[in-house]
Amino acid sequence: MSVTSAGMDEPSKAAKRVLLGTGFGLILLCGFAIIEGRMQVNEIGIGHLFLITAIICLTMSKMLDYQTSFLSEYFPNETEKELKLRVDEEMNQMNYENRVGNAWAELESKVLATEIGAEE
């Protein structure tokens, strides 16, 4: 089963959707607050924090389109093939580290067994 057939997208696309949804949702919230009179456009209040947060979310979602942004480190824009290669490389590295650790443990065990045998 492929990654995309399971319903998963690239991390950057998923993060972009979340940021866009959050940003537009907060703008909608501010609109309702203005309609109901709970937020005044010309008076700074707590509602403006929601508006600023919305603008930040929308800006960050746009930044995900650029590979040079700081967000591309956390949400890479990689294809399914690139993702598979990266995960395979990480798994190979972990297996190598486990084999090295096991080899050291086995060597240490043999050295201790030899030292204990020499003392008897």
Protein backbone atom coordinates (compact mmCIF):
# COMPACT_ATOMS: atom_id res chain seq x y z
CA MET A 1 0.00 0.00 0.00
CA SER A 2 1.43 3.35 -0.94
CA VAL A 3 1.63 6.30 1.39
CA THR A 4 -0.68 8.49 -0.67
CA SER A 5 -3.27 5.77 -1.14
CA ALA A 6 -3.54 5.56 2.65
CA GLY A 7 -4.68 9.19 2.66
CA MET A 8 -1.39 10.84 3.57
CA ASP A 9 0.02 13.86 1.79
CA GLU A 10 3.40 15.45 1.86
CA PRO A 11 4.03 17.10 5.25
CA SER A 12 4.16 20.55 3.67
CA LYS A 13 0.74 20.15 2.04
CA ALA A 14 -0.86 18.93 5.26
CA ALA A 15 0.69 21.76 7.29
CA LYS A 16 -0.38 24.30 4.68
CA ARG A 17 -3.99 23.10 4.88
CA VAL A 18 -3.97 23.30 8.68
CA LEU A 19 -2.48 26.81 8.66
CA LEU A 20 -4.88 28.04 5.98
CA GLY A 21 -7.86 26.58 7.79
CA THR A 22 -6.77 28.10 11.09
CA GLY A 23 -6.07 31.49 9.52
CA PHE A 24 -9.35 31.72 7.65
CA GLY A 25 -11.25 30.36 10.65
CA LEU A 26 -9.81 33.08 12.89
CA ILE A 27 -10.67 35.75 10.30
CA LEU A 28 -14.22 34.39 10.22
CA LEU A 29 -14.29 34.52 14.01
CA CYS A 30 -13.20 38.17 13.93
CA GLY A 31 -15.88 38.92 11.34
CA PHE A 32 -18.59 37.43 13.53
CA ALA A 33 -17.22 39.35 16.54
CA ILE A 34 -17.42 42.62 14.57
CA ILE A 35 -20.98 41.85 13.40
CA GLU A 36 -22.09 41.09 16.96
CA GLY A 37 -20.33 44.17 18.32
CA ARG A 38 -17.91 42.21 20.50
CA MET A 39 -14.93 43.58 18.58
CA GLN A 40 -14.37 47.15 17.48
CA VAL A 41 -12.17 47.75 14.46
CA ASN A 42 -10.98 51.15 15.67
CA GLU A 43 -10.31 50.07 19.28
CA ILE A 44 -7.43 47.71 20.10
CA GLY A 45 -8.66 44.74 22.09
CA ILE A 46 -8.31 41.01 22.54
CA GLY A 47 -10.02 40.42 19.20
CA HIS A 48 -7.06 41.94 17.44
CA LEU A 49 -4.85 39.15 18.83
CA PHE A 50 -7.02 36.68 16.92
CA LEU A 51 -6.67 38.78 13.78
CA ILE A 52 -2.88 38.99 14.17
CA THR A 53 -2.72 35.23 14.76
CA ALA A 54 -4.79 34.70 11.61
CA ILE A 55 -2.42 36.85 9.58
CA ILE A 56 0.58 34.96 10.98
CA CYS A 57 -1.02 31.60 10.09
CA LEU A 58 -1.81 32.73 6.55
CA THR A 59 1.72 34.11 6.12
CA MET A 60 3.26 30.88 7.39
CA SER A 61 1.10 28.83 5.00
CA LYS A 62 2.41 30.93 2.11
CA MET A 63 6.00 30.48 3.35
CA LEU A 64 5.63 26.69 3.01
CA ASP A 65 5.70 27.16 -0.77
CA TYR A 66 9.32 28.31 -0.59
CA GLN A 67 12.05 25.73 0.03
CA THR A 68 14.28 28.34 1.68
CA SER A 69 11.90 29.15 4.53
CA PHE A 70 12.55 27.93 8.07
CA LEU A 71 9.33 25.91 7.90
CA SER A 72 10.65 23.67 5.11
CA GLU A 73 12.94 22.04 7.68
CA TYR A 74 9.96 20.94 9.79
CA PHE A 75 7.52 20.26 6.95
CA PRO A 76 9.51 18.98 3.97
CA ASN A 77 7.97 19.10 0.53
CA GLU A 78 8.99 15.64 -0.59
CA THR A 79 7.34 13.17 -2.90
CA GLU A 80 6.35 9.68 -1.84
CA LYS A 81 9.52 8.28 -3.43
CA GLU A 82 11.75 10.80 -1.62
CA LEU A 83 9.95 10.09 1.66
CA LYS A 84 10.45 6.35 1.20
CA LEU A 85 14.16 6.84 0.46
CA ARG A 86 14.63 9.06 3.50
CA VAL A 87 12.83 6.63 5.81
CA ASP A 88 14.82 3.69 4.38
CA GLU A 89 18.08 5.56 4.99
CA GLU A 90 17.06 6.33 8.57
CA MET A 91 16.09 2.68 9.16
CA ASN A 92 19.41 1.48 7.71
CA GLN A 93 21.28 3.90 9.97
CA MET A 94 19.36 2.68 13.02
CA ASN A 95 20.03 -0.97 12.11
CA TYR A 96 23.73 -0.22 11.69
CA GLU A 97 23.88 1.51 15.08
CA ASN A 98 22.08 -1.44 16.70
CA ARG A 99 24.53 -3.93 15.14
CA VAL A 100 27.50 -1.88 16.35
CA GLY A 101 26.00 -1.66 19.84
CA ASN A 102 25.37 -5.40 19.91
CA ALA A 103 28.90 -6.12 18.72
CA TRP A 104 30.33 -3.96 21.52
CA ALA A 105 28.12 -5.68 24.09
CA GLU A 106 29.20 -9.10 22.86
CA LEU A 107 32.88 -8.11 22.93
CA GLU A 108 32.52 -6.68 26.43
CA SER A 109 30.80 -9.88 27.57
CA LYS A 110 33.63 -12.02 26.17
CA VAL A 111 36.28 -9.84 27.82
CA LEU A 112 34.49 -10.05 31.19
CA ALA A 113 34.07 -13.83 30.84
CA THR A 114 37.80 -14.13 30.06
CA GLU A 115 38.74 -11.97 33.06
CA ILE A 116 36.48 -13.95 35.38
CA GLY A 117 37.91 -17.25 34.04
CA ALA A 118 41.47 -15.98 34.59
CA GLU A 119 40.70 -15.04 38.23
CA GLU A 120 39.41 -18.52 39.04
